PDB file of N, CA and C in Angstrom:
ATOM      1  N   MET A   1      36.195  -3.344   2.547  1.00  0.00           N
ATOM      2  CA  MET A   1      35.099  -3.685   3.325  1.00  0.00           C
ATOM      3  C   MET A   1      34.316  -4.802   2.805  1.00  0.00           C
ATOM      4  N   ARG A   2      33.615  -5.715   3.808  1.00  0.00           N
ATOM      5  CA  ARG A   2      32.816  -7.166   3.403  1.00  0.00           C
ATOM      6  C   ARG A   2      31.581  -6.669   3.063  1.00  0.00           C
ATOM      7  N   THR A   3      30.840  -7.508   2.437  1.00  0.00           N
ATOM      8  CA  THR A   3      29.802  -7.223   2.183  1.00  0.00           C
ATOM      9  C   THR A   3      29.253  -8.659   2.627  1.00  0.00           C
ATOM     10  N   SER A   4      27.559  -8.006   2.410  1.00  0.00           N
ATOM     11  CA  SER A   4      26.654  -9.637   3.559  1.00  0.00           C
ATOM     12  C   SER A   4      26.771 -10.164   1.903  1.00  0.00           C
ATOM     13  N   LYS A   5      26.635 -12.038   2.351  1.00  0.00           N
ATOM     14  CA  LYS A   5      26.337 -12.574   1.447  1.00  0.00           C
ATOM     15  C   LYS A   5      24.649 -12.474   1.149  1.00  0.00           C
ATOM     16  N   ASN A   6      24.508 -12.270   2.030  1.00  0.00           N
ATOM     17  CA  ASN A   6      23.322 -12.206   2.102  1.00  0.00           C
ATOM     18  C   ASN A   6      22.134  -9.823   2.404  1.00  0.00           C
ATOM     19  N   PRO A   7      22.400  -9.379   1.344  1.00  0.00           N
ATOM     20  CA  PRO A   7      22.208  -8.438   2.615  1.00  0.00           C
ATOM     21  C   PRO A   7      20.163  -8.263   2.251  1.00  0.00           C
ATOM     22  N   MET A   8      19.488  -7.633   2.747  1.00  0.00           N
ATOM     23  CA  MET A   8      18.167  -7.395   3.357  1.00  0.00           C
ATOM     24  C   MET A   8      18.061  -6.165   2.320  1.00  0.00           C
ATOM     25  N   ALA A   9      16.798  -6.454   1.631  1.00  0.00           N
ATOM     26  CA  ALA A   9      16.428  -5.205   0.520  1.00  0.00           C
ATOM     27  C   ALA A   9      15.141  -4.085   1.589  1.00  0.00           C
ATOM     28  N   GLY A  10      15.191  -3.583   1.443  1.00  0.00           N
ATOM     29  CA  GLY A  10      14.257  -2.145   1.722  1.00  0.00           C
ATOM     30  C   GLY A  10      14.148  -1.382   1.175  1.00  0.00           C
ATOM     31  N   GLY A  11      13.824  -1.537  -0.201  1.00  0.00           N
ATOM     32  CA  GLY A  11      13.536  -1.249  -1.394  1.00  0.00           C
ATOM     33  C   GLY A  11      11.686  -1.094  -1.428  1.00  0.00           C
ATOM     34  N   VAL A  12      11.418  -2.791  -1.020  1.00  0.00           N
ATOM     35  CA  VAL A  12      10.564  -3.058  -1.254  1.00  0.00           C
ATOM     36  C   VAL A  12       9.570  -2.216   0.050  1.00  0.00           C
ATOM     37  N   VAL A  13       9.526  -2.152   1.142  1.00  0.00           N
ATOM     38  CA  VAL A  13       9.186  -1.355   2.351  1.00  0.00           C
ATOM     39  C   VAL A  13       9.150   0.472   1.258  1.00  0.00           C
ATOM     40  N   MET A  14      10.201   0.656   0.987  1.00  0.00           N
ATOM     41  CA  MET A  14       9.668   2.345   0.608  1.00  0.00           C
ATOM     42  C   MET A  14       8.339   2.188  -0.708  1.00  0.00           C
ATOM     43  N   ALA A  15       7.979   1.428  -1.068  1.00  0.00           N
ATOM     44  CA  ALA A  15       6.995   0.981  -2.523  1.00  0.00           C
ATOM     45  C   ALA A  15       6.238   0.849  -1.979  1.00  0.00           C
ATOM     46  N   ILE A  16       5.945  -0.455  -1.241  1.00  0.00           N
ATOM     47  CA  ILE A  16       4.706  -0.030  -0.377  1.00  0.00           C
ATOM     48  C   ILE A  16       4.441   1.057   0.909  1.00  0.00           C
ATOM     49  N   SER A  17       4.939   1.513   1.389  1.00  0.00           N
ATOM     50  CA  SER A  17       4.436   2.128   2.368  1.00  0.00           C
ATOM     51  C   SER A  17       4.728   3.379   1.955  1.00  0.00           C
ATOM     52  N   THR A  18       4.905   4.243   0.444  1.00  0.00           N
ATOM     53  CA  THR A  18       4.142   5.155  -0.528  1.00  0.00           C
ATOM     54  C   THR A  18       2.647   4.668  -1.342  1.00  0.00           C
ATOM     55  N   THR A  19       2.977   3.650  -1.928  1.00  0.00           N
ATOM     56  CA  THR A  19       1.353   2.843  -1.768  1.00  0.00           C
ATOM     57  C   THR A  19       0.148   3.135  -0.871  1.00  0.00           C
ATOM     58  N   VAL A  20       0.405   3.066  -0.116  1.00  0.00           N
ATOM     59  CA  VAL A  20      -0.229   2.974   1.003  1.00  0.00           C
ATOM     60  C   VAL A  20      -0.223   4.126   1.899  1.00  0.00           C
ATOM     61  N   GLY A  21       0.514   5.313   1.268  1.00  0.00           N
ATOM     62  CA  GLY A  21       0.567   6.916   1.762  1.00  0.00           C
ATOM     63  C   GLY A  21      -0.534   6.889   1.154  1.00  0.00           C
ATOM     64  N   ALA A  22      -0.481   6.803  -0.334  1.00  0.00           N
ATOM     65  CA  ALA A  22      -0.883   7.715  -1.388  1.00  0.00           C
ATOM     66  C   ALA A  22      -2.453   7.108  -1.071  1.00  0.00           C
ATOM     67  N   ILE A  23      -3.383   5.916  -0.656  1.00  0.00           N
ATOM     68  CA  ILE A  23      -4.206   5.632  -0.537  1.00  0.00           C
ATOM     69  C   ILE A  23      -4.560   5.593   0.559  1.00  0.00           C
ATOM     70  N   TRP A  24      -4.371   6.359   1.532  1.00  0.00           N
ATOM     71  CA  TRP A  24      -4.612   6.419   3.373  1.00  0.00           C
ATOM     72  C   TRP A  24      -5.294   8.089   2.949  1.00  0.00           C
ATOM     73  N   GLY A  25      -3.818   8.616   2.070  1.00  0.00           N
ATOM     74  CA  GLY A  25      -4.247  10.614   1.989  1.00  0.00           C
ATOM     75  C   GLY A  25      -5.440  10.511   0.541  1.00  0.00           C
ATOM     76  N   ALA A  26      -6.076   9.441   0.040  1.00  0.00           N
ATOM     77  CA  ALA A  26      -6.645   9.982  -0.797  1.00  0.00           C
ATOM     78  C   ALA A  26      -8.069   9.399  -0.842  1.00  0.00           C
ATOM     79  N   ARG A  27      -7.920   8.915   0.581  1.00  0.00           N
ATOM     80  CA  ARG A  27      -9.406   8.916   1.114  1.00  0.00           C
ATOM     81  C   ARG A  27      -9.051   9.597   2.751  1.00  0.00           C
ATOM     82  N   GLU A  28      -8.808  10.527   2.809  1.00  0.00           N
ATOM     83  CA  GLU A  28      -8.577  11.901   3.828  1.00  0.00           C
ATOM     84  C   GLU A  28      -8.668  13.071   2.785  1.00  0.00           C
ATOM     85  N   GLY A  29      -8.776  12.743   1.424  1.00  0.00           N
ATOM     86  CA  GLY A  29      -9.211  13.930   0.646  1.00  0.00           C
ATOM     87  C   GLY A  29      -7.479  14.650   0.441  1.00  0.00           C
ATOM     88  N   GLN A  30      -6.452  13.849   1.009  1.00  0.00           N
ATOM     89  CA  GLN A  30      -4.813  14.772   0.712  1.00  0.00           C
ATOM     90  C   GLN A  30      -4.009  13.419   0.211  1.00  0.00           C
ATOM     91  N   PRO A  31      -4.182  13.471  -1.121  1.00  0.00           N
ATOM     92  CA  PRO A  31      -3.320  11.804  -1.652  1.00  0.00           C
ATOM     93  C   PRO A  31      -2.277  12.493  -1.737  1.00  0.00           C
ATOM     94  N   SER A  32      -1.519  13.870  -2.183  1.00  0.00           N
ATOM     95  CA  SER A  32       0.227  13.990  -2.114  1.00  0.00           C
ATOM     96  C   SER A  32       0.394  13.929  -0.831  1.00  0.00           C
ATOM     97  N   ALA A  33      -0.301  14.643   0.213  1.00  0.00           N
ATOM     98  CA  ALA A  33       0.224  14.236   1.715  1.00  0.00           C
ATOM     99  C   ALA A  33       0.505  13.043   2.257  1.00  0.00           C
ATOM    100  N   GLY A  34      -0.774  12.830   1.685  1.00  0.00           N
ATOM    101  CA  GLY A  34      -0.458  11.370   1.983  1.00  0.00           C
ATOM    102  C   GLY A  34       1.146  10.319   1.304  1.00  0.00           C
ATOM    103  N   LEU A  35       1.196  10.455   0.077  1.00  0.00           N
ATOM    104  CA  LEU A  35       1.982   9.727  -0.491  1.00  0.00           C
ATOM    105  C   LEU A  35       3.648  10.076   0.058  1.00  0.00           C
ATOM    106  N   LEU A  36       3.811  11.666   0.041  1.00  0.00           N
ATOM    107  CA  LEU A  36       4.742  12.005   0.864  1.00  0.00           C
ATOM    108  C   LEU A  36       5.024  11.431   2.455  1.00  0.00           C
ATOM    109  N   THR A  37       4.097  11.601   3.304  1.00  0.00           N
ATOM    110  CA  THR A  37       4.442  10.775   4.156  1.00  0.00           C
ATOM    111  C   THR A  37       4.309   9.582   3.880  1.00  0.00           C
ATOM    112  N   GLY A  38       3.890   8.296   3.515  1.00  0.00           N
ATOM    113  CA  GLY A  38       4.211   7.344   3.244  1.00  0.00           C
ATOM    114  C   GLY A  38       6.098   7.275   2.604  1.00  0.00           C
ATOM    115  N   LEU A  39       6.782   7.803   1.985  1.00  0.00           N
ATOM    116  CA  LEU A  39       7.796   7.663   1.100  1.00  0.00           C
ATOM    117  C   LEU A  39       8.483   8.233   2.225  1.00  0.00           C
ATOM    118  N   GLY A  40       8.329   9.261   2.738  1.00  0.00           N
ATOM    119  CA  GLY A  40       9.010   9.523   4.307  1.00  0.00           C
ATOM    120  C   GLY A  40       8.843   8.372   5.126  1.00  0.00           C
ATOM    121  N   VAL A  41       7.608   7.889   5.590  1.00  0.00           N
ATOM    122  CA  VAL A  41       8.387   6.793   6.579  1.00  0.00           C
ATOM    123  C   VAL A  41       9.392   5.115   5.475  1.00  0.00           C
ATOM    124  N   GLY A  42       8.833   5.221   4.598  1.00  0.00           N
ATOM    125  CA  GLY A  42       9.492   4.016   4.279  1.00  0.00           C
ATOM    126  C   GLY A  42      11.172   4.298   4.258  1.00  0.00           C
ATOM    127  N   ILE A  43      11.382   5.969   4.171  1.00  0.00           N
ATOM    128  CA  ILE A  43      12.734   5.747   3.907  1.00  0.00           C
ATOM    129  C   ILE A  43      13.453   5.514   5.002  1.00  0.00           C
ATOM    130  N   LEU A  44      12.962   5.350   6.331  1.00  0.00           N
ATOM    131  CA  LEU A  44      13.045   6.075   7.733  1.00  0.00           C
ATOM    132  C   LEU A  44      13.440   4.183   7.769  1.00  0.00           C
ATOM    133  N   ILE A  45      12.232   3.754   7.024  1.00  0.00           N
ATOM    134  CA  ILE A  45      12.232   1.943   7.952  1.00  0.00           C
ATOM    135  C   ILE A  45      13.390   1.254   6.611  1.00  0.00           C
ATOM    136  N   SER A  46      13.464   2.241   5.516  1.00  0.00           N
ATOM    137  CA  SER A  46      15.153   1.224   4.759  1.00  0.00           C
ATOM    138  C   SER A  46      16.236   1.463   5.240  1.00  0.00           C
ATOM    139  N   LEU A  47      15.701   2.765   6.061  1.00  0.00           N
ATOM    140  CA  LEU A  47      17.509   3.651   6.796  1.00  0.00           C
ATOM    141  C   LEU A  47      17.903   2.176   7.641  1.00  0.00           C
ATOM    142  N   LEU A  48      17.236   2.113   8.954  1.00  0.00           N
ATOM    143  CA  LEU A  48      16.599   1.270  10.019  1.00  0.00           C
ATOM    144  C   LEU A  48      17.304  -0.328   8.812  1.00  0.00           C
ATOM    145  N   ILE A  49      16.488  -0.527   8.655  1.00  0.00           N
ATOM    146  CA  ILE A  49      17.149  -1.836   7.635  1.00  0.00           C
ATOM    147  C   ILE A  49      18.667  -1.831   7.004  1.00  0.00           C
ATOM    148  N   TRP A  50      18.777  -0.826   6.436  1.00  0.00           N
ATOM    149  CA  TRP A  50      20.593  -1.200   6.102  1.00  0.00           C
ATOM    150  C   TRP A  50      21.145  -0.609   6.691  1.00  0.00           C
ATOM    151  N   LEU A  51      20.928   0.206   8.406  1.00  0.00           N
ATOM    152  CA  LEU A  51      21.834   0.052   8.941  1.00  0.00           C
ATOM    153  C   LEU A  51      21.863  -1.008  10.068  1.00  0.00           C
ATOM    154  N   LEU A  52      20.841  -2.122  10.075  1.00  0.00           N
ATOM    155  CA  LEU A  52      20.687  -3.162  10.780  1.00  0.00           C
ATOM    156  C   LEU A  52      21.540  -4.151   9.593  1.00  0.00           C
ATOM    157  N   ASP A  53      21.873  -4.061   8.688  1.00  0.00           N
ATOM    158  CA  ASP A  53      22.174  -5.211   7.490  1.00  0.00           C
ATOM    159  C   ASP A  53      23.935  -4.966   7.405  1.00  0.00           C
ATOM    160  N   ARG A  54      24.472  -3.841   7.364  1.00  0.00           N
ATOM    161  CA  ARG A  54      25.360  -3.625   7.501  1.00  0.00           C
ATOM    162  C   ARG A  54      25.911  -4.064   9.375  1.00  0.00           C
ATOM    163  N   ARG A  55      25.878  -2.910   9.988  1.00  0.00           N
ATOM    164  CA  ARG A  55      25.924  -3.903  11.356  1.00  0.00           C
ATOM    165  C   ARG A  55      26.384  -5.237  11.072  1.00  0.00           C
ATOM    166  N   ARG A  56      25.176  -5.974  10.697  1.00  0.00           N
ATOM    167  CA  ARG A  56      26.071  -7.445  10.785  1.00  0.00           C
ATOM    168  C   ARG A  56      26.423  -7.825   9.712  1.00  0.00           C
ATOM    169  N   ALA A  57      26.929  -7.405   8.676  1.00  0.00           N
ATOM    170  CA  ALA A  57      27.926  -7.353   8.000  1.00  0.00           C
ATOM    171  C   ALA A  57      29.592  -7.336   8.492  1.00  0.00           C
TER     172      ALA A  57
END
């Protein structure tokens, strides 16, 4: 299996979306729900990045 010379990174997307979700949730009075929502969104976006990078290789 070939690997891409310049793989795309999706981890930063998960970190940023989790942080933003926690802040948004805290403003709404539900920091845990916001954190989990942000994490879920980050995972989905990271999976899309991974699939695109895998297809590119």
